Amino acid sequence: MQVRGLEKSFGDLDVLRGLDLDVAPGSIVALLGANGAGKTTLVRILSTLLAADAGSARVLGHDVATAPRDVRASISLTGQFTAIDDVLTGRENLVLVARLRHLPHPTAVADELLARFSLADAADRPAAKYSGGMRRRLDIAMSLVGAPPVIFLDEPTTGLDPQARNEVWETVAALAAGGTTVLLTTQHLEEAERLADRIAILHDGVVAHEGTLDELRRLLPPAEVEVVERQPSLEEVFLAVIGGMSAADAPGGTSAPGGTEFS
């Protein structure tokens, strides 16, 4: 994926001001930025939902302006809000998408994705009864019907609790491990740290800095080493209580009264 000099304005508001970006095949690149930095605008242009004012963008060699059909055949987009039909079951949602993509054996396609995303036991349950993490996993599974080589994830963990967020992170990591190229927009710094091969920081409509986490850390002076007692965060306590973190994962390995292991 290659973006060069991309510009986009809405009236007097300049959102993208000559943005450049490269995403290597099979990698996860995280776009970090505050609200209004242009993350979603960039994703909408790359997914052919919005036309740029200037510059160029190519996805798998296809120009988003001159070959939008080829781009759309190569990508999938998961937005901030799920595209699930709550009345349908998990299986029925997937079968519907497979039929819309004119794939043979849509039920087999659905069953494979249900197993892949650990949703087989809930396959025949209405999606309205899914938890937040299950809904997001189903949403991502729906976006992978037809095995698109590139997927855009626009703030996929918005509104999820810590356990559901961890479930989505594991899903995204597995996608990249399987060769899928992932462009991820997020405001969660921990999300970028955990998932991304490279991180691009958007500011004032351009990529202000881009690199690996270690490369970005070198932009600041070396940290001074101090020995301090690290207390568990509330998120770590929450995950320990509900069974999302083992004692081995805990920073201090302490235990709460009654034997519950906290991080």
Protein backbone atom coordinates (compact mmCIF):
# COMPACT_ATOMS: atom_id res chain seq x y z
CA MET A 1 0.00 0.00 0.00
CA GLN A 2 1.43 3.37 -1.01
CA VAL A 3 0.13 6.88 -0.31
CA ARG A 4 1.78 9.97 -1.74
CA GLY A 5 0.90 13.61 -1.20
CA LEU A 6 -2.70 12.90 -0.22
CA GLU A 7 -4.84 15.99 0.39
CA LYS A 8 -8.45 16.35 1.50
CA SER A 9 -10.42 19.36 2.69
CA PHE A 10 -13.98 19.83 3.87
CA GLY A 11 -14.86 23.44 3.17
CA ASP A 12 -12.26 25.56 4.93
CA LEU A 13 -11.03 22.64 7.02
CA ASP A 14 -7.86 21.00 5.69
CA VAL A 15 -7.87 17.44 7.05
CA LEU A 16 -5.08 15.85 4.99
CA ARG A 17 -2.22 18.09 3.86
CA GLY A 18 0.13 16.04 1.70
CA LEU A 19 0.16 12.76 3.61
CA ASP A 20 2.70 10.04 2.71
CA LEU A 21 2.50 6.46 3.98
CA ASP A 22 3.76 2.98 3.08
CA VAL A 23 2.33 -0.29 4.38
CA ALA A 24 4.28 -3.47 3.67
CA PRO A 25 2.37 -6.65 2.73
CA GLY A 26 1.56 -8.87 5.71
CA SER A 27 2.29 -6.17 8.27
CA ILE A 28 0.23 -4.25 10.82
CA VAL A 29 0.59 -0.48 10.61
CA ALA A 30 -1.14 1.59 13.28
CA LEU A 31 -2.30 5.13 12.61
CA LEU A 32 -2.18 7.12 15.83
CA GLY A 33 -3.78 10.50 16.17
CA ALA A 34 -6.18 12.64 18.14
CA ASN A 35 -9.76 13.19 17.05
CA GLY A 36 -9.75 15.11 13.78
CA ALA A 37 -6.22 14.08 12.85
CA GLY A 38 -7.45 12.52 9.59
CA LYS A 39 -7.30 8.80 10.40
CA THR A 40 -10.84 7.93 9.32
CA THR A 41 -10.61 10.26 6.30
CA LEU A 42 -7.52 8.40 5.11
CA VAL A 43 -9.23 5.01 5.55
CA ARG A 44 -12.30 6.21 3.65
CA ILE A 45 -10.11 7.36 0.75
CA LEU A 46 -8.16 4.10 0.68
CA SER A 47 -11.39 2.10 0.70
CA THR A 48 -12.78 4.20 -2.21
CA LEU A 49 -15.60 5.68 -0.10
CA LEU A 50 -14.21 9.20 -0.46
CA ALA A 51 -12.31 10.96 -3.24
CA ALA A 52 -9.07 12.78 -2.44
CA ASP A 53 -8.53 16.37 -3.57
CA ALA A 54 -4.93 15.72 -4.58
CA GLY A 55 -2.21 13.10 -4.35
CA SER A 56 -2.35 9.38 -5.07
CA ALA A 57 -2.99 6.13 -3.24
CA ARG A 58 -2.48 2.56 -4.37
CA VAL A 59 -3.65 -0.66 -2.73
CA LEU A 60 -2.04 -3.87 -4.00
CA GLY A 61 -0.94 -1.88 -7.04
CA HIS A 62 -4.46 -0.61 -7.81
CA ASP A 63 -5.04 3.13 -7.91
CA VAL A 64 -7.97 4.04 -5.67
CA ALA A 65 -9.10 6.79 -8.06
CA THR A 66 -8.81 5.02 -11.41
CA ALA A 67 -9.38 1.38 -10.41
CA PRO A 68 -11.83 1.50 -7.47
CA ARG A 69 -13.46 -1.81 -8.38
CA ASP A 70 -10.13 -3.64 -8.20
CA VAL A 71 -9.37 -1.97 -4.87
CA ARG A 72 -12.73 -2.96 -3.40
CA ALA A 73 -12.17 -6.56 -4.52
CA SER A 74 -8.89 -6.58 -2.58
CA ILE A 75 -9.93 -5.05 0.73
CA SER A 76 -12.35 -5.21 3.59
CA LEU A 77 -13.30 -2.49 6.05
CA THR A 78 -14.36 -2.83 9.66
CA GLY A 79 -15.56 0.49 11.02
CA GLN A 80 -16.02 1.85 14.52
CA PHE A 81 -19.53 0.38 14.67
CA THR A 82 -20.37 -3.20 13.80
CA ALA A 83 -22.28 -4.07 10.64
CA ILE A 84 -24.00 -7.04 12.27
CA ASP A 85 -27.69 -7.79 11.83
CA ASP A 86 -28.84 -8.46 15.40
CA VAL A 87 -31.88 -10.45 14.30
CA LEU A 88 -29.76 -13.00 12.43
CA THR A 89 -27.61 -15.62 14.10
CA GLY A 90 -23.85 -15.54 13.83
CA ARG A 91 -23.94 -18.18 11.10
CA GLU A 92 -26.70 -16.39 9.19
CA ASN A 93 -24.74 -13.11 9.22
CA LEU A 94 -21.74 -14.84 7.67
CA VAL A 95 -23.80 -16.80 5.15
CA LEU A 96 -25.46 -13.56 4.05
CA VAL A 97 -22.12 -11.89 3.36
CA ALA A 98 -20.81 -14.96 1.53
CA ARG A 99 -23.88 -14.94 -0.71
CA LEU A 100 -23.50 -11.22 -1.39
CA ARG A 101 -19.92 -11.94 -2.47
CA HIS A 102 -21.25 -14.76 -4.71
CA LEU A 103 -19.03 -17.36 -3.06
CA PRO A 104 -19.72 -21.06 -3.54
CA HIS A 105 -20.72 -23.08 -0.48
CA PRO A 106 -21.59 -20.09 1.76
CA THR A 107 -22.50 -22.29 4.74
CA ALA A 108 -19.08 -23.96 4.65
CA VAL A 109 -17.45 -20.53 4.46
CA ALA A 110 -19.46 -19.43 7.50
CA ASP A 111 -18.63 -22.54 9.51
CA GLU A 112 -14.90 -22.17 8.83
CA LEU A 113 -14.90 -18.57 10.06
CA LEU A 114 -17.02 -19.40 13.09
CA ALA A 115 -14.45 -22.00 14.11
CA ARG A 116 -11.53 -19.68 13.32
CA PHE A 117 -12.93 -16.93 15.54
CA SER A 118 -14.04 -19.25 18.37
CA LEU A 119 -17.73 -18.58 17.73
CA ALA A 120 -18.87 -22.08 16.75
CA ASP A 121 -20.65 -22.68 20.06
CA ALA A 122 -22.68 -19.49 19.53
CA ALA A 123 -23.27 -20.01 15.79
CA ASP A 124 -27.03 -20.40 16.08
CA ARG A 125 -27.57 -17.75 18.73
CA PRO A 126 -29.02 -14.37 17.63
CA ALA A 127 -26.22 -11.83 17.34
CA ALA A 128 -28.16 -9.50 19.66
CA LYS A 129 -27.25 -11.88 22.50
CA TYR A 130 -23.51 -11.78 21.80
CA SER A 131 -21.11 -10.02 24.17
CA GLY A 132 -19.18 -6.99 22.97
CA GLY A 133 -16.07 -9.02 22.22
CA MET A 134 -18.05 -11.70 20.40
CA ARG A 135 -19.83 -9.06 18.31
CA ARG A 136 -16.55 -7.48 17.28
CA ARG A 137 -15.03 -10.87 16.45
CA LEU A 138 -18.09 -11.69 14.34
CA ASP A 139 -17.81 -8.29 12.63
CA ILE A 140 -14.17 -8.95 11.74
CA ALA A 141 -15.06 -12.47 10.60
CA MET A 142 -17.69 -10.98 8.27
CA SER A 143 -15.09 -8.64 6.83
CA LEU A 144 -12.85 -11.63 6.05
CA VAL A 145 -15.42 -13.51 3.97
CA GLY A 146 -13.72 -14.08 0.62
CA ALA A 147 -10.21 -13.81 2.19
CA PRO A 148 -9.33 -10.21 1.25
CA PRO A 149 -5.55 -9.66 1.43
CA VAL A 150 -5.94 -6.18 2.96
CA ILE A 151 -8.16 -5.16 5.87
CA PHE A 152 -8.79 -1.71 7.31
CA LEU A 153 -9.73 -1.60 10.99
CA ASP A 154 -11.01 1.81 12.05
CA GLU A 155 -10.80 1.99 15.86
CA PRO A 156 -12.02 -1.62 16.24
CA THR A 157 -11.97 -1.66 20.06
CA THR A 158 -13.99 1.50 20.66
CA GLY A 159 -16.38 0.96 23.57
CA LEU A 160 -15.11 -2.52 24.49
CA ASP A 161 -14.20 -3.61 28.01
CA PRO A 162 -10.60 -4.77 28.71
CA GLN A 163 -11.32 -8.48 28.22
CA ALA A 164 -13.16 -7.92 24.93
CA ARG A 165 -10.38 -5.62 23.77
CA ASN A 166 -7.81 -8.34 24.45
CA GLU A 167 -9.91 -10.79 22.42
CA VAL A 168 -9.90 -8.41 19.45
CA TRP A 169 -6.16 -7.83 19.77
CA GLU A 170 -5.53 -11.57 19.62
CA THR A 171 -7.72 -11.77 16.52
CA VAL A 172 -5.86 -8.95 14.76
CA ALA A 173 -2.47 -10.46 15.58
CA ALA A 174 -3.62 -13.80 14.14
CA LEU A 175 -4.71 -12.08 10.92
CA ALA A 176 -1.27 -10.62 10.33
CA ALA A 177 0.38 -13.92 11.24
CA GLY A 178 -1.72 -15.48 8.47
CA GLY A 179 -0.42 -12.97 5.90
CA THR A 180 -3.20 -10.37 5.94
CA THR A 181 -2.11 -6.75 5.64
CA VAL A 182 -3.73 -4.65 8.37
CA LEU A 183 -4.08 -0.87 8.56
CA LEU A 184 -5.31 -0.06 12.05
CA THR A 185 -6.50 3.33 13.28
CA THR A 186 -6.58 3.82 17.02
CA GLN A 187 -6.43 6.31 19.85
CA HIS A 188 -5.26 3.64 22.31
CA LEU A 189 -1.49 3.83 22.67
CA GLU A 190 -1.35 0.37 24.24
CA GLU A 191 -3.16 -1.04 21.20
CA ALA A 192 -0.49 0.31 18.86
CA GLU A 193 2.32 -0.86 21.15
CA ARG A 194 0.96 -4.38 21.33
CA LEU A 195 -0.05 -4.96 17.72
CA ALA A 196 1.80 -2.76 15.25
CA ASP A 197 4.92 -3.60 13.30
CA ARG A 198 5.15 0.10 12.47
CA ILE A 199 3.38 3.15 13.89
CA ALA A 200 2.49 6.35 12.03
CA ILE A 201 1.61 9.40 14.13
CA LEU A 202 -0.77 11.73 12.31
CA HIS A 203 -0.76 15.41 13.23
CA ASP A 204 -2.03 18.44 11.32
CA GLY A 205 -2.93 16.31 8.31
CA VAL A 206 0.46 14.68 7.76
CA VAL A 207 2.48 11.80 9.17
CA ALA A 208 4.56 13.64 11.77
CA HIS A 209 6.67 10.56 12.63
CA GLU A 210 6.67 6.94 11.49
CA GLY A 211 8.65 3.89 12.50
CA THR A 212 8.85 0.90 14.78
CA LEU A 213 8.08 1.35 18.47
CA ASP A 214 11.80 1.28 19.30
CA GLU A 215 12.54 3.87 16.61
CA LEU A 216 9.86 6.19 17.96
CA ARG A 217 11.11 5.74 21.52
CA ARG A 218 14.54 6.96 20.41
CA LEU A 219 12.97 10.34 19.60
CA LEU A 220 13.02 11.03 23.35
CA PRO A 221 16.06 11.19 25.68
CA PRO A 222 17.09 7.89 27.28
CA ALA A 223 15.01 7.05 30.32
CA GLU A 224 16.55 7.35 33.76
CA VAL A 225 16.48 4.09 35.67
CA GLU A 226 14.79 4.25 39.05
CA VAL A 227 13.83 1.37 41.30
CA VAL A 228 10.20 1.79 42.30
CA GLU A 229 7.47 -0.51 43.53
CA ARG A 230 5.01 -1.02 40.71
CA GLN A 231 1.40 -1.19 41.82
CA PRO A 232 -1.13 -3.09 39.68
CA SER A 233 -3.35 -0.97 37.46
CA LEU A 234 -7.11 -1.15 37.80
CA GLU A 235 -7.29 -2.85 34.39
CA GLU A 236 -4.91 -5.57 35.56
CA VAL A 237 -6.98 -6.09 38.71
CA PHE A 238 -10.16 -6.28 36.61
CA LEU A 239 -8.67 -8.87 34.25
CA ALA A 240 -7.33 -10.93 37.14
CA VAL A 241 -10.71 -10.98 38.87
CA ILE A 242 -12.56 -12.19 35.76
CA GLY A 243 -9.85 -14.68 34.84
CA GLY A 244 -8.29 -12.78 31.96
CA MET A 245 -4.78 -12.76 33.45
CA SER A 246 -2.82 -15.51 35.15
CA ALA A 247 -0.51 -15.11 38.10
CA ALA A 248 2.45 -15.61 35.78
CA ASP A 249 1.40 -12.53 33.83
CA ALA A 250 1.11 -10.42 36.97
CA PRO A 251 3.82 -7.80 37.56
CA GLY A 252 4.03 -8.56 41.27
CA GLY A 253 2.21 -11.87 41.48
CA THR A 254 0.34 -10.79 44.62
CA SER A 255 -2.84 -12.38 45.87
CA ALA A 256 -6.03 -10.85 47.16
CA PRO A 257 -7.74 -12.23 50.25
CA GLY A 258 -9.56 -15.41 49.45
CA GLY A 259 -6.94 -16.60 46.97
CA THR A 260 -7.85 -14.45 43.93
CA GLU A 261 -4.59 -13.75 42.13
CA PHE A 262 -4.04 -10.13 41.16
CA SER A 263 -1.47 -8.76 38.80
